[in-house]
N, C-alpha and C. Protein backbone atom coordinates (compact mmCIF):
# COMPACT_ATOMS: atom_id res chain seq x y z
N UNK A 1 -121.25 -143.38 55.57
CA UNK A 1 -120.08 -143.16 55.95
C UNK A 1 -119.35 -143.04 57.14
N UNK A 2 -119.87 -143.22 58.28
CA UNK A 2 -119.13 -143.29 59.13
C UNK A 2 -118.41 -144.84 59.39
N UNK A 3 -119.42 -145.82 58.57
CA UNK A 3 -118.70 -147.03 58.63
C UNK A 3 -117.49 -146.77 58.37
N UNK A 4 -117.40 -146.42 56.70
CA UNK A 4 -116.12 -146.02 55.75
C UNK A 4 -114.95 -145.43 56.25
N UNK A 5 -115.27 -144.41 57.31
CA UNK A 5 -114.51 -143.52 58.08
C UNK A 5 -113.69 -144.65 59.36
N UNK A 6 -114.61 -145.16 59.68
CA UNK A 6 -114.38 -146.33 61.01
C UNK A 6 -113.45 -147.38 60.41
N UNK A 7 -113.65 -147.97 58.88
CA UNK A 7 -113.18 -149.03 58.73
C UNK A 7 -111.54 -148.66 58.10
N UNK A 8 -111.61 -147.71 57.62
CA UNK A 8 -110.51 -146.58 56.89
C UNK A 8 -109.39 -146.50 57.87
N UNK A 9 -110.16 -145.70 59.20
CA UNK A 9 -109.18 -146.10 60.04
C UNK A 9 -108.56 -146.84 61.37
N UNK A 10 -109.05 -148.17 61.06
CA UNK A 10 -108.82 -149.63 61.51
C UNK A 10 -108.01 -150.11 60.66
N UNK A 11 -108.17 -149.87 59.29
CA UNK A 11 -107.50 -150.54 58.47
C UNK A 11 -106.01 -149.83 58.31
N UNK A 12 -105.84 -148.63 58.59
CA UNK A 12 -104.77 -147.60 58.17
C UNK A 12 -103.97 -147.84 59.59
N UNK A 13 -104.60 -148.24 60.85
CA UNK A 13 -103.66 -148.44 61.94
C UNK A 13 -103.21 -149.57 61.82
N UNK A 14 -104.22 -150.56 61.24
CA UNK A 14 -103.55 -152.02 60.99
C UNK A 14 -102.01 -152.17 60.40
N UNK A 15 -102.21 -151.35 59.00
CA UNK A 15 -100.88 -150.99 58.29
C UNK A 15 -99.92 -150.59 59.06
N UNK A 16 -100.16 -149.44 59.76
CA UNK A 16 -98.91 -148.89 60.72
C UNK A 16 -98.11 -150.08 61.37
N UNK A 17 -98.85 -150.71 62.25
CA UNK A 17 -98.44 -152.03 62.70
C UNK A 17 -97.63 -152.71 62.18
N UNK A 18 -97.93 -153.42 60.64
CA UNK A 18 -97.20 -154.28 60.25
C UNK A 18 -96.35 -153.28 59.79
N UNK A 19 -95.99 -152.35 59.62
CA UNK A 19 -95.00 -151.13 59.06
C UNK A 19 -93.89 -150.92 60.37
N UNK A 20 -94.58 -150.63 61.47
CA UNK A 20 -93.85 -150.44 62.77
C UNK A 20 -93.05 -151.64 63.33
N UNK A 21 -93.84 -152.88 63.20
CA UNK A 21 -93.12 -154.18 64.03
C UNK A 21 -91.67 -154.13 63.29
N UNK A 22 -91.31 -154.61 62.19
CA UNK A 22 -89.80 -155.31 61.57
C UNK A 22 -89.22 -153.89 62.56
N UNK A 23 -89.37 -152.27 62.49
CA UNK A 23 -88.55 -151.65 63.13
C UNK A 23 -88.45 -151.72 65.14
N UNK A 24 -89.20 -152.27 65.23
CA UNK A 24 -89.44 -152.78 66.79
C UNK A 24 -88.38 -153.65 67.11
N UNK A 25 -88.73 -154.19 66.18
CA UNK A 25 -87.51 -155.84 66.31
C UNK A 25 -86.18 -155.35 66.10
N UNK A 26 -86.23 -154.73 64.87
CA UNK A 26 -84.70 -154.58 64.81
C UNK A 26 -83.92 -153.63 65.97
N UNK A 27 -84.83 -152.86 66.55
CA UNK A 27 -84.37 -151.90 67.53
C UNK A 27 -84.04 -152.73 69.21
N UNK A 28 -84.83 -153.68 68.97
CA UNK A 28 -84.74 -154.54 70.25
C UNK A 28 -85.90 -154.57 70.91
N UNK A 29 -86.89 -153.76 70.90
CA UNK A 29 -87.72 -153.51 71.64
C UNK A 29 -88.76 -154.72 71.86
N UNK A 30 -88.68 -155.64 71.07
CA UNK A 30 -89.91 -157.25 70.64
C UNK A 30 -88.92 -158.19 70.68
N UNK A 31 -89.22 -159.33 71.23
CA UNK A 31 -88.86 -160.66 70.79
C UNK A 31 -88.91 -160.74 69.26
N UNK A 32 -88.59 -161.69 68.92
CA UNK A 32 -88.43 -162.27 67.36
C UNK A 32 -90.11 -163.27 67.21
N UNK A 33 -90.13 -163.68 68.41
CA UNK A 33 -92.00 -164.26 68.58
C UNK A 33 -92.50 -163.51 68.59
N UNK A 34 -92.71 -162.41 69.57
CA UNK A 34 -93.54 -160.92 69.31
C UNK A 34 -93.67 -160.54 68.17
N UNK A 35 -92.38 -160.03 67.56
CA UNK A 35 -92.38 -159.48 66.35
C UNK A 35 -93.97 -160.27 64.98
N UNK A 36 -92.96 -161.78 65.45
CA UNK A 36 -93.95 -162.15 63.81
C UNK A 36 -95.40 -162.29 64.40
N UNK A 37 -96.10 -162.41 65.79
CA UNK A 37 -97.40 -162.58 66.41
C UNK A 37 -97.73 -161.01 66.05
N UNK A 38 -97.22 -159.63 66.19
CA UNK A 38 -97.60 -158.64 65.68
C UNK A 38 -98.06 -158.51 64.27
N UNK A 39 -96.61 -158.59 63.51
CA UNK A 39 -97.31 -158.81 61.75
C UNK A 39 -98.28 -159.76 61.35
N UNK A 40 -98.39 -160.55 61.59
CA UNK A 40 -99.15 -161.90 61.56
C UNK A 40 -100.76 -161.38 61.94
N UNK A 41 -101.08 -160.94 63.24
CA UNK A 41 -101.98 -160.00 63.28
C UNK A 41 -102.77 -158.76 62.52
N UNK A 42 -101.78 -157.71 62.53
CA UNK A 42 -101.51 -156.61 62.16
C UNK A 42 -101.98 -156.82 60.53
N UNK A 43 -101.19 -157.99 59.64
CA UNK A 43 -101.77 -157.97 58.10
C UNK A 43 -103.12 -158.88 58.52
N UNK A 44 -103.79 -159.76 59.02
CA UNK A 44 -104.88 -160.22 59.03
C UNK A 44 -105.54 -159.19 58.89
N UNK A 45 -105.98 -158.19 60.28
CA UNK A 45 -106.49 -157.38 60.56
C UNK A 45 -106.69 -155.95 59.16
N UNK A 46 -105.37 -156.06 59.00
CA UNK A 46 -105.24 -154.89 57.69
C UNK A 46 -106.18 -155.65 56.57
N UNK A 47 -106.13 -156.74 56.03
CA UNK A 47 -106.87 -157.27 54.46
C UNK A 47 -108.12 -157.28 55.11
N UNK A 48 -108.83 -157.61 56.46
CA UNK A 48 -109.90 -157.68 56.82
C UNK A 48 -110.73 -156.52 56.56
N UNK A 49 -110.24 -155.56 57.42
CA UNK A 49 -110.79 -154.47 57.52
C UNK A 49 -110.71 -153.69 56.21
N UNK A 50 -109.44 -153.66 55.19
CA UNK A 50 -109.66 -153.24 53.71
C UNK A 50 -110.84 -153.69 52.91
N UNK A 51 -110.71 -154.61 53.03
CA UNK A 51 -111.58 -155.60 52.28
C UNK A 51 -113.19 -155.61 52.45
N UNK A 52 -113.38 -155.39 53.60
CA UNK A 52 -114.54 -155.13 54.40
C UNK A 52 -115.12 -153.90 54.01
N UNK A 53 -114.37 -152.89 53.86
CA UNK A 53 -114.70 -151.34 53.41
C UNK A 53 -115.13 -151.22 51.98
N UNK A 54 -114.31 -151.99 51.01
CA UNK A 54 -114.55 -151.82 49.71
C UNK A 54 -115.91 -152.90 49.45
N UNK A 55 -116.18 -153.69 49.98
CA UNK A 55 -117.42 -154.48 49.92
C UNK A 55 -118.61 -153.64 50.20
N UNK A 56 -118.34 -152.86 51.57
CA UNK A 56 -119.63 -151.83 51.63
C UNK A 56 -119.49 -150.84 50.65
N UNK A 57 -118.44 -150.63 50.18
CA UNK A 57 -118.57 -149.21 49.13
C UNK A 57 -119.22 -149.85 47.98
N UNK A 58 -118.63 -150.74 47.56
CA UNK A 58 -119.38 -151.58 46.27
C UNK A 58 -121.18 -151.83 46.74
N UNK A 59 -121.36 -152.22 47.58
CA UNK A 59 -122.97 -152.64 48.10
C UNK A 59 -123.31 -151.21 47.76
N UNK A 60 -122.83 -150.33 48.53
CA UNK A 60 -123.58 -148.93 48.73
C UNK A 60 -123.72 -148.16 47.38
N UNK A 61 -122.71 -148.79 46.06
CA UNK A 61 -122.82 -148.24 45.02
C UNK A 61 -124.13 -148.62 44.00
N UNK A 62 -124.03 -149.70 44.18
CA UNK A 62 -125.05 -150.55 43.33
C UNK A 62 -126.56 -150.19 44.18
N UNK A 63 -126.90 -150.11 45.53
CA UNK A 63 -127.78 -149.65 45.85
C UNK A 63 -128.50 -148.19 45.71
N UNK A 64 -127.41 -147.88 45.34
CA UNK A 64 -127.65 -145.84 44.78
C UNK A 64 -128.11 -146.08 43.16
N UNK A 65 -127.73 -147.10 42.41
CA UNK A 65 -128.19 -147.11 41.12
C UNK A 65 -126.66 -146.93 40.68
N UNK A 66 -125.39 -146.65 41.26
CA UNK A 66 -123.98 -146.14 40.25
C UNK A 66 -123.64 -147.20 40.22
N UNK A 67 -123.75 -148.13 38.67
CA UNK A 67 -122.90 -149.08 38.65
C UNK A 67 -121.26 -148.82 38.29
């Protein structure tokens, strides 16, 4: 349960970074190069944490006998 909460939180933070980075660039807070790096890293971590959460959830369902 704690893993699910932690992974959900981390994937949510990554998604927020993905959504915030274009606005930071448009408002002139970050350069184009930094915007691209932030977006790239945040996208990677979002896919990683969200996928890991789903895999763990499916594994737990199989071990509980809930196919």
